[in-house]
Amino acid sequence: MTPPEKTIEIENLRLAYGVKEVIHSVTFDIYRNEIFGIIGPSQSGKTSLLRCLNRTIDFVSNATVSGTIRVDGADISRIKDIYALRRKIGMVAPLPVGLPLSIYDNVAFAPRSVGLTKKDDLDEIVERCLKQAALWDEVKDRLGTLGTALSGGQQQRLTIARALSHQPQILCLDEFSIAIDPVTTMRIEDVLKELRNDITIILVTNLTQQARRLADRTMFLCNGDCIELDSTENIFSDNPQYAKTYEYVNGIFG
């Protein structure tokens, strides 16, 4: 059997804010076209880990990163075109952050920023991304209205559509369902199951059952340490490798 293809390779990653180390020498790989779940209590370094992947951690003045992160074989610390890296690794924040623009312009913003101006091409991108985010049918007749006027769940899907407009190879989602209702959450989860055919998805979630529903493999991160990484089936079984994993996924702590 052919081994899965690695898209991200992380070796001995450490992250500190000032003198406080928040990620302690973690090493793992992420495979192409998988949904990779990251679970763990608050303040375990989950969001910080995501920010290391596309180097948005660079915006934090007192952050120090060591170790190696390779994306498709390239050491990201040596990449000069950071904007290309961030287009390749899209990020969706916990709360929807809509630009104060129309629905159309929210999605068209990134393609325009790299020089795409032809209306037919922009129309195609906007429609495709809104369909991928399961939002097209709800907004196709009002693309000129403000994106910030949408409901919370619709704004979150608009944020996903905007991230997809970069045509990322990897999509990082950080607690995407924290402020939306369960029905909308399930709709977005269905979207993610479809998207994984085309891209790799890294899903940070405090909802352990969400990881159980979606992830192919799951990492349990606790206080900056990778306690366990295995198939999601094994992580959520009655016999994961570590008792601490069992206690967390069963709500005994966290």
C-alpha atoms as a PDB file:
ATOM      1  CA  MET A   1       0.000   0.000   0.000  1.00  0.00           C
ATOM      2  CA  THR A   2       1.350   3.430  -0.981  1.00  0.00           C
ATOM      3  CA  PRO A   3       2.021   5.587   2.107  1.00  0.00           C
ATOM      4  CA  PRO A   4       0.046   8.851   2.295  1.00  0.00           C
ATOM      5  CA  GLU A   5       1.723  11.915   0.860  1.00  0.00           C
ATOM      6  CA  LYS A   6       2.945  14.446   3.408  1.00  0.00           C
ATOM      7  CA  THR A   7       2.026  18.071   2.818  1.00  0.00           C
ATOM      8  CA  ILE A   8       3.281  19.476   6.153  1.00  0.00           C
ATOM      9  CA  GLU A   9       6.227  18.137   8.143  1.00  0.00           C
ATOM     10  CA  ILE A  10       6.921  19.560  11.601  1.00  0.00           C
ATOM     11  CA  GLU A  11      10.063  18.680  13.536  1.00  0.00           C
ATOM     12  CA  ASN A  12      10.863  19.768  17.097  1.00  0.00           C
ATOM     13  CA  LEU A  13       8.670  22.862  16.905  1.00  0.00           C
ATOM     14  CA  ARG A  14       8.966  25.150  19.897  1.00  0.00           C
ATOM     15  CA  LEU A  15       7.197  28.464  20.408  1.00  0.00           C
ATOM     16  CA  ALA A  16       7.724  30.965  23.206  1.00  0.00           C
ATOM     17  CA  TYR A  17       6.134  34.299  23.997  1.00  0.00           C
ATOM     18  CA  GLY A  18       8.909  36.130  25.780  1.00  0.00           C
ATOM     19  CA  VAL A  19      10.301  33.695  28.342  1.00  0.00           C
ATOM     20  CA  LYS A  20       7.162  31.522  28.427  1.00  0.00           C
ATOM     21  CA  GLU A  21       7.307  28.497  26.147  1.00  0.00           C
ATOM     22  CA  VAL A  22       3.822  27.523  24.965  1.00  0.00           C
ATOM     23  CA  ILE A  23       4.666  24.732  22.496  1.00  0.00           C
ATOM     24  CA  HIS A  24       7.249  22.193  23.588  1.00  0.00           C
ATOM     25  CA  SER A  25       9.172  20.391  20.844  1.00  0.00           C
ATOM     26  CA  VAL A  26       6.305  18.812  18.896  1.00  0.00           C
ATOM     27  CA  THR A  27       6.965  16.638  15.860  1.00  0.00           C
ATOM     28  CA  PHE A  28       4.296  15.354  13.458  1.00  0.00           C
ATOM     29  CA  ASP A  29       3.205  15.240   9.823  1.00  0.00           C
ATOM     30  CA  ILE A  30      -0.038  16.198   8.086  1.00  0.00           C
ATOM     31  CA  TYR A  31      -1.086  14.301   4.966  1.00  0.00           C
ATOM     32  CA  ARG A  32      -2.506  15.682   1.761  1.00  0.00           C
ATOM     33  CA  ASN A  33      -6.313  15.729   1.530  1.00  0.00           C
ATOM     34  CA  GLU A  34      -6.925  14.680   5.100  1.00  0.00           C
ATOM     35  CA  ILE A  35      -8.909  16.440   7.784  1.00  0.00           C
ATOM     36  CA  PHE A  36      -6.458  16.725  10.656  1.00  0.00           C
ATOM     37  CA  GLY A  37      -8.088  17.479  14.003  1.00  0.00           C
ATOM     38  CA  ILE A  38      -6.378  19.249  16.898  1.00  0.00           C
ATOM     39  CA  ILE A  39      -8.124  19.046  20.261  1.00  0.00           C
ATOM     40  CA  GLY A  40      -7.142  20.039  23.778  1.00  0.00           C
ATOM     41  CA  PRO A  41      -8.031  22.347  26.665  1.00  0.00           C
ATOM     42  CA  SER A  42      -7.866  26.129  26.361  1.00  0.00           C
ATOM     43  CA  GLN A  43      -4.378  27.624  26.509  1.00  0.00           C
ATOM     44  CA  SER A  44      -2.801  24.451  25.131  1.00  0.00           C
ATOM     45  CA  GLY A  45      -1.192  26.175  22.141  1.00  0.00           C
ATOM     46  CA  LYS A  46      -3.657  25.089  19.442  1.00  0.00           C
ATOM     47  CA  THR A  47      -4.183  28.521  17.863  1.00  0.00           C
ATOM     48  CA  SER A  48      -0.514  29.391  18.255  1.00  0.00           C
ATOM     49  CA  LEU A  49       0.376  26.229  16.355  1.00  0.00           C
ATOM     50  CA  LEU A  50      -1.847  27.253  13.450  1.00  0.00           C
ATOM     51  CA  ARG A  51      -0.253  30.690  13.386  1.00  0.00           C
ATOM     52  CA  CYS A  52       3.172  29.102  13.047  1.00  0.00           C
ATOM     53  CA  LEU A  53       2.077  27.253   9.903  1.00  0.00           C
ATOM     54  CA  ASN A  54       1.453  30.323   7.750  1.00  0.00           C
ATOM     55  CA  ARG A  55       3.785  32.592   9.692  1.00  0.00           C
ATOM     56  CA  THR A  56       1.133  34.958  10.983  1.00  0.00           C
ATOM     57  CA  ILE A  57       3.021  34.367  14.232  1.00  0.00           C
ATOM     58  CA  ASP A  58       5.530  36.823  12.718  1.00  0.00           C
ATOM     59  CA  PHE A  59       3.153  39.625  13.703  1.00  0.00           C
ATOM     60  CA  VAL A  60       3.702  38.847  17.411  1.00  0.00           C
ATOM     61  CA  SER A  61       6.756  40.854  18.434  1.00  0.00           C
ATOM     62  CA  ASN A  62       7.813  38.709  21.407  1.00  0.00           C
ATOM     63  CA  ALA A  63       7.257  35.319  19.718  1.00  0.00           C
ATOM     64  CA  THR A  64      10.257  33.050  19.179  1.00  0.00           C
ATOM     65  CA  VAL A  65       9.903  29.975  16.962  1.00  0.00           C
ATOM     66  CA  SER A  66      12.455  27.190  16.620  1.00  0.00           C
ATOM     67  CA  GLY A  67      12.424  23.816  14.911  1.00  0.00           C
ATOM     68  CA  THR A  68      11.431  23.138  11.322  1.00  0.00           C
ATOM     69  CA  ILE A  69       8.154  23.414   9.419  1.00  0.00           C
ATOM     70  CA  ARG A  70       8.200  22.193   5.827  1.00  0.00           C
ATOM     71  CA  VAL A  71       5.285  22.693   3.447  1.00  0.00           C
ATOM     72  CA  ASP A  72       5.536  20.547   0.334  1.00  0.00           C
ATOM     73  CA  GLY A  73       9.207  20.059   1.179  1.00  0.00           C
ATOM     74  CA  ALA A  74      10.055  23.771   1.548  1.00  0.00           C
ATOM     75  CA  ASP A  75      11.281  25.111   4.890  1.00  0.00           C
ATOM     76  CA  ILE A  76       8.884  27.992   5.530  1.00  0.00           C
ATOM     77  CA  SER A  77      11.479  29.927   7.554  1.00  0.00           C
ATOM     78  CA  ARG A  78      13.387  30.407   4.282  1.00  0.00           C
ATOM     79  CA  ILE A  79      10.408  31.405   2.141  1.00  0.00           C
ATOM     80  CA  LYS A  80      10.764  35.002   0.983  1.00  0.00           C
ATOM     81  CA  ASP A  81       7.274  35.451  -0.473  1.00  0.00           C
ATOM     82  CA  ILE A  82       5.246  35.268   2.733  1.00  0.00           C
ATOM     83  CA  TYR A  83       2.092  36.377   0.927  1.00  0.00           C
ATOM     84  CA  ALA A  84       2.313  33.352  -1.378  1.00  0.00           C
ATOM     85  CA  LEU A  85       2.658  31.121   1.692  1.00  0.00           C
ATOM     86  CA  ARG A  86      -0.430  32.658   3.267  1.00  0.00           C
ATOM     87  CA  ARG A  87      -2.390  32.200   0.052  1.00  0.00           C
ATOM     88  CA  LYS A  88      -1.345  28.569   0.077  1.00  0.00           C
ATOM     89  CA  ILE A  89      -2.358  28.113   3.733  1.00  0.00           C
ATOM     90  CA  GLY A  90      -5.705  29.834   4.291  1.00  0.00           C
ATOM     91  CA  MET A  91      -6.954  30.671   7.784  1.00  0.00           C
ATOM     92  CA  VAL A  92     -10.480  31.029   9.161  1.00  0.00           C
ATOM     93  CA  ALA A  93     -10.701  32.696  12.575  1.00  0.00           C
ATOM     94  CA  PRO A  94     -13.016  31.672  15.433  1.00  0.00           C
ATOM     95  CA  LEU A  95     -15.344  34.633  14.890  1.00  0.00           C
ATOM     96  CA  PRO A  96     -16.340  35.767  11.394  1.00  0.00           C
ATOM     97  CA  VAL A  97     -14.380  38.816  10.315  1.00  0.00           C
ATOM     98  CA  GLY A  98     -16.266  40.327   7.403  1.00  0.00           C
ATOM     99  CA  LEU A  99     -14.730  43.161   5.441  1.00  0.00           C
ATOM    100  CA  PRO A 100     -16.967  46.265   5.318  1.00  0.00           C
ATOM    101  CA  LEU A 101     -17.708  45.472   1.684  1.00  0.00           C
ATOM    102  CA  SER A 102     -20.444  43.807  -0.314  1.00  0.00           C
ATOM    103  CA  ILE A 103     -20.774  40.019  -0.281  1.00  0.00           C
ATOM    104  CA  TYR A 104     -19.338  39.973  -3.810  1.00  0.00           C
ATOM    105  CA  ASP A 105     -16.400  42.205  -2.938  1.00  0.00           C
ATOM    106  CA  ASN A 106     -15.571  40.184   0.185  1.00  0.00           C
ATOM    107  CA  VAL A 107     -14.922  37.141  -1.982  1.00  0.00           C
ATOM    108  CA  ALA A 108     -13.387  39.055  -4.903  1.00  0.00           C
ATOM    109  CA  PHE A 109     -10.994  40.995  -2.661  1.00  0.00           C
ATOM    110  CA  ALA A 110      -8.115  38.494  -2.721  1.00  0.00           C
ATOM    111  CA  PRO A 111      -8.225  37.751  -6.477  1.00  0.00           C
ATOM    112  CA  ARG A 112      -8.260  41.477  -7.182  1.00  0.00           C
ATOM    113  CA  SER A 113      -5.309  42.014  -4.852  1.00  0.00           C
ATOM    114  CA  VAL A 114      -3.172  39.763  -7.066  1.00  0.00           C
ATOM    115  CA  GLY A 115      -4.217  41.588 -10.226  1.00  0.00           C
ATOM    116  CA  LEU A 116      -7.313  39.785 -11.477  1.00  0.00           C
ATOM    117  CA  THR A 117      -9.691  42.345 -12.958  1.00  0.00           C
ATOM    118  CA  LYS A 118     -11.733  40.562 -15.640  1.00  0.00           C
ATOM    119  CA  LYS A 119     -15.352  40.533 -14.476  1.00  0.00           C
ATOM    120  CA  ASP A 120     -16.211  37.138 -15.939  1.00  0.00           C
ATOM    121  CA  ASP A 121     -13.299  35.563 -14.071  1.00  0.00           C
ATOM    122  CA  LEU A 122     -14.229  37.300 -10.817  1.00  0.00           C
ATOM    123  CA  ASP A 123     -17.874  36.255 -11.242  1.00  0.00           C
ATOM    124  CA  GLU A 124     -16.800  32.636 -11.656  1.00  0.00           C
ATOM    125  CA  ILE A 125     -14.594  32.739  -8.540  1.00  0.00           C
ATOM    126  CA  VAL A 126     -17.270  34.387  -6.407  1.00  0.00           C
ATOM    127  CA  GLU A 127     -19.927  31.884  -7.447  1.00  0.00           C
ATOM    128  CA  ARG A 128     -17.614  28.881  -7.025  1.00  0.00           C
ATOM    129  CA  CYS A 129     -16.409  29.921  -3.577  1.00  0.00           C
ATOM    130  CA  LEU A 130     -19.881  30.785  -2.310  1.00  0.00           C
ATOM    131  CA  LYS A 131     -21.136  27.419  -3.543  1.00  0.00           C
ATOM    132  CA  GLN A 132     -18.235  25.637  -1.847  1.00  0.00           C
ATOM    133  CA  ALA A 133     -19.162  27.442   1.366  1.00  0.00           C
ATOM    134  CA  ALA A 134     -22.840  26.447   1.007  1.00  0.00           C
ATOM    135  CA  LEU A 135     -23.881  30.099   0.853  1.00  0.00           C
ATOM    136  CA  TRP A 136     -24.612  30.753  -2.826  1.00  0.00           C
ATOM    137  CA  ASP A 137     -28.304  29.840  -2.798  1.00  0.00           C
ATOM    138  CA  GLU A 138     -28.951  32.172   0.134  1.00  0.00           C
ATOM    139  CA  VAL A 139     -27.171  35.252  -1.246  1.00  0.00           C
ATOM    140  CA  LYS A 140     -27.022  34.955  -5.051  1.00  0.00           C
ATOM    141  CA  ASP A 141     -29.780  37.565  -5.474  1.00  0.00           C
ATOM    142  CA  ARG A 142     -28.178  40.115  -3.130  1.00  0.00           C
ATOM    143  CA  LEU A 143     -24.460  39.982  -3.801  1.00  0.00           C
ATOM    144  CA  GLY A 144     -24.292  43.777  -3.605  1.00  0.00           C
ATOM    145  CA  THR A 145     -25.432  43.955   0.029  1.00  0.00           C
ATOM    146  CA  LEU A 146     -22.971  44.344   2.879  1.00  0.00           C
ATOM    147  CA  GLY A 147     -21.383  41.117   4.060  1.00  0.00           C
ATOM    148  CA  THR A 148     -21.523  42.404   7.631  1.00  0.00           C
ATOM    149  CA  ALA A 149     -25.332  42.497   7.387  1.00  0.00           C
ATOM    150  CA  LEU A 150     -25.527  38.697   7.124  1.00  0.00           C
ATOM    151  CA  SER A 151     -26.365  36.489  10.084  1.00  0.00           C
ATOM    152  CA  GLY A 152     -23.522  35.111  12.177  1.00  0.00           C
ATOM    153  CA  GLY A 153     -23.617  31.722  10.506  1.00  0.00           C
ATOM    154  CA  GLN A 154     -23.763  33.259   7.051  1.00  0.00           C
ATOM    155  CA  GLN A 155     -20.840  35.553   7.883  1.00  0.00           C
ATOM    156  CA  GLN A 156     -18.798  32.554   8.987  1.00  0.00           C
ATOM    157  CA  ARG A 157     -19.522  30.815   5.687  1.00  0.00           C
ATOM    158  CA  LEU A 158     -18.626  34.057   3.881  1.00  0.00           C
ATOM    159  CA  THR A 159     -15.303  34.017   5.745  1.00  0.00           C
ATOM    160  CA  ILE A 160     -14.728  30.467   4.487  1.00  0.00           C
ATOM    161  CA  ALA A 161     -15.641  31.543   0.933  1.00  0.00           C
ATOM    162  CA  ARG A 162     -13.179  34.415   1.179  1.00  0.00           C
ATOM    163  CA  ALA A 163     -10.439  32.045   2.378  1.00  0.00           C
ATOM    164  CA  LEU A 164     -11.210  29.707  -0.533  1.00  0.00           C
ATOM    165  CA  SER A 165     -10.870  32.561  -3.035  1.00  0.00           C
ATOM    166  CA  HIS A 166      -7.094  32.340  -2.506  1.00  0.00           C
ATOM    167  CA  GLN A 167      -7.340  28.774  -3.858  1.00  0.00           C
ATOM    168  CA  PRO A 168      -5.435  27.455  -0.816  1.00  0.00           C
ATOM    169  CA  GLN A 169      -3.942  23.996  -0.757  1.00  0.00           C
ATOM    170  CA  ILE A 170      -4.357  23.903   3.022  1.00  0.00           C
ATOM    171  CA  LEU A 171      -7.223  25.415   5.028  1.00  0.00           C
ATOM    172  CA  CYS A 172      -6.837  26.032   8.761  1.00  0.00           C
ATOM    173  CA  LEU A 173     -10.048  26.432  10.748  1.00  0.00           C
ATOM    174  CA  ASP A 174      -9.763  27.732  14.295  1.00  0.00           C
ATOM    175  CA  GLU A 175     -12.934  27.073  16.317  1.00  0.00           C
ATOM    176  CA  PHE A 176     -15.091  28.008  13.322  1.00  0.00           C
ATOM    177  CA  SER A 177     -18.334  27.043  15.088  1.00  0.00           C
ATOM    178  CA  ILE A 178     -17.767  28.890  18.356  1.00  0.00           C
ATOM    179  CA  ALA A 179     -20.440  31.532  17.692  1.00  0.00           C
ATOM    180  CA  ILE A 180     -22.912  29.822  15.389  1.00  0.00           C
ATOM    181  CA  ASP A 181     -25.906  27.585  15.891  1.00  0.00           C
ATOM    182  CA  PRO A 182     -25.765  23.768  15.669  1.00  0.00           C
ATOM    183  CA  VAL A 183     -27.735  23.580  12.403  1.00  0.00           C
ATOM    184  CA  THR A 184     -25.329  25.960  10.641  1.00  0.00           C
ATOM    185  CA  THR A 185     -22.398  24.127  12.197  1.00  0.00           C
ATOM    186  CA  MET A 186     -23.592  20.866  10.662  1.00  0.00           C
ATOM    187  CA  ARG A 187     -23.975  22.553   7.273  1.00  0.00           C
ATOM    188  CA  ILE A 188     -20.394  23.791   7.410  1.00  0.00           C
ATOM    189  CA  GLU A 189     -19.219  20.342   8.491  1.00  0.00           C
ATOM    190  CA  ASP A 190     -20.850  18.907   5.364  1.00  0.00           C
ATOM    191  CA  VAL A 191     -18.988  21.542   3.332  1.00  0.00           C
ATOM    192  CA  LEU A 192     -15.683  20.486   4.891  1.00  0.00           C
ATOM    193  CA  LYS A 193     -16.273  16.840   4.042  1.00  0.00           C
ATOM    194  CA  GLU A 194     -16.664  17.870   0.400  1.00  0.00           C
ATOM    195  CA  LEU A 195     -13.682  20.234   0.424  1.00  0.00           C
ATOM    196  CA  ARG A 196     -11.281  17.585   1.672  1.00  0.00           C
ATOM    197  CA  ASN A 197     -11.431  16.068  -1.822  1.00  0.00           C
ATOM    198  CA  ASP A 198      -9.502  19.101  -3.060  1.00  0.00           C
ATOM    199  CA  ILE A 199      -7.557  20.490  -0.106  1.00  0.00           C
ATOM    200  CA  THR A 200      -6.039  19.554   3.236  1.00  0.00           C
ATOM    201  CA  ILE A 201      -7.989  20.787   6.255  1.00  0.00           C
ATOM    202  CA  ILE A 202      -6.558  21.430   9.717  1.00  0.00           C
ATOM    203  CA  LEU A 203      -9.358  21.709  12.252  1.00  0.00           C
ATOM    204  CA  VAL A 204      -8.795  23.153  15.717  1.00  0.00           C
ATOM    205  CA  THR A 205     -11.824  22.555  17.895  1.00  0.00           C
ATOM    206  CA  ASN A 206     -12.813  22.488  21.549  1.00  0.00           C
ATOM    207  CA  LEU A 207     -15.787  20.337  20.530  1.00  0.00           C
ATOM    208  CA  THR A 208     -14.360  16.853  20.795  1.00  0.00           C
ATOM    209  CA  GLN A 209     -17.351  15.303  19.061  1.00  0.00           C
ATOM    210  CA  GLN A 210     -16.779  17.598  16.092  1.00  0.00           C
ATOM    211  CA  ALA A 211     -13.283  16.172  15.700  1.00  0.00           C
ATOM    212  CA  ARG A 212     -14.749  12.713  16.060  1.00  0.00           C
ATOM    213  CA  ARG A 213     -17.232  13.388  13.225  1.00  0.00           C
ATOM    214  CA  LEU A 214     -14.807  15.036  10.833  1.00  0.00           C
ATOM    215  CA  ALA A 215     -11.159  14.221  11.385  1.00  0.00           C
ATOM    216  CA  ASP A 216      -9.238  11.376   9.796  1.00  0.00           C
ATOM    217  CA  ARG A 217      -6.550  11.722  12.438  1.00  0.00           C
ATOM    218  CA  THR A 218      -6.608  13.682  15.678  1.00  0.00           C
ATOM    219  CA  MET A 219      -3.868  15.179  17.823  1.00  0.00           C
ATOM    220  CA  PHE A 220      -4.446  15.781  21.518  1.00  0.00           C
ATOM    221  CA  LEU A 221      -2.452  18.865  22.507  1.00  0.00           C
ATOM    222  CA  CYS A 222      -2.288  19.726  26.213  1.00  0.00           C
ATOM    223  CA  ASN A 223      -0.221  22.506  27.775  1.00  0.00           C
ATOM    224  CA  GLY A 224       1.944  22.717  24.677  1.00  0.00           C
ATOM    225  CA  ASP A 225       2.719  18.995  24.513  1.00  0.00           C
ATOM    226  CA  CYS A 226       1.496  16.496  21.934  1.00  0.00           C
ATOM    227  CA  ILE A 227       0.058  13.875  24.275  1.00  0.00           C
ATOM    228  CA  GLU A 228      -1.191  11.599  21.524  1.00  0.00           C
ATOM    229  CA  LEU A 229      -1.683  11.537  17.751  1.00  0.00           C
ATOM    230  CA  ASP A 230      -3.507   8.674  16.117  1.00  0.00           C
ATOM    231  CA  SER A 231      -6.435   7.799  13.908  1.00  0.00           C
ATOM    232  CA  THR A 232      -9.548   9.496  15.209  1.00  0.00           C
ATOM    233  CA  GLU A 233     -11.085   6.085  15.745  1.00  0.00           C
ATOM    234  CA  ASN A 234      -8.273   5.132  18.128  1.00  0.00           C
ATOM    235  CA  ILE A 235      -8.225   8.485  19.919  1.00  0.00           C
ATOM    236  CA  PHE A 236     -11.921   8.152  20.728  1.00  0.00           C
ATOM    237  CA  SER A 237     -11.840   4.455  21.536  1.00  0.00           C
ATOM    238  CA  ASP A 238     -12.071   3.032  25.044  1.00  0.00           C
ATOM    239  CA  ASN A 239      -8.335   2.319  24.893  1.00  0.00           C
ATOM    240  CA  PRO A 240      -6.296   5.244  23.539  1.00  0.00           C
ATOM    241  CA  GLN A 241      -2.586   5.004  24.212  1.00  0.00           C
ATOM    242  CA  TYR A 242      -2.653   7.416  27.157  1.00  0.00           C
ATOM    243  CA  ALA A 243      -5.132   7.639  30.023  1.00  0.00           C
ATOM    244  CA  LYS A 244      -5.011  11.449  29.802  1.00  0.00           C
ATOM    245  CA  THR A 245      -6.434  11.251  26.288  1.00  0.00           C
ATOM    246  CA  TYR A 246      -9.306   9.071  27.465  1.00  0.00           C
ATOM    247  CA  GLU A 247     -10.030  11.476  30.316  1.00  0.00           C
ATOM    248  CA  TYR A 248     -10.106  14.499  28.032  1.00  0.00           C
ATOM    249  CA  VAL A 249     -12.262  13.095  25.234  1.00  0.00           C
ATOM    250  CA  ASN A 250     -14.711  11.750  27.825  1.00  0.00           C
ATOM    251  CA  GLY A 251     -15.033  15.062  29.642  1.00  0.00           C
ATOM    252  CA  ILE A 252     -13.312  13.982  32.852  1.00  0.00           C
ATOM    253  CA  PHE A 253     -11.170  17.130  32.631  1.00  0.00           C
ATOM    254  CA  GLY A 254     -10.744  20.083  30.313  1.00  0.00           C
END
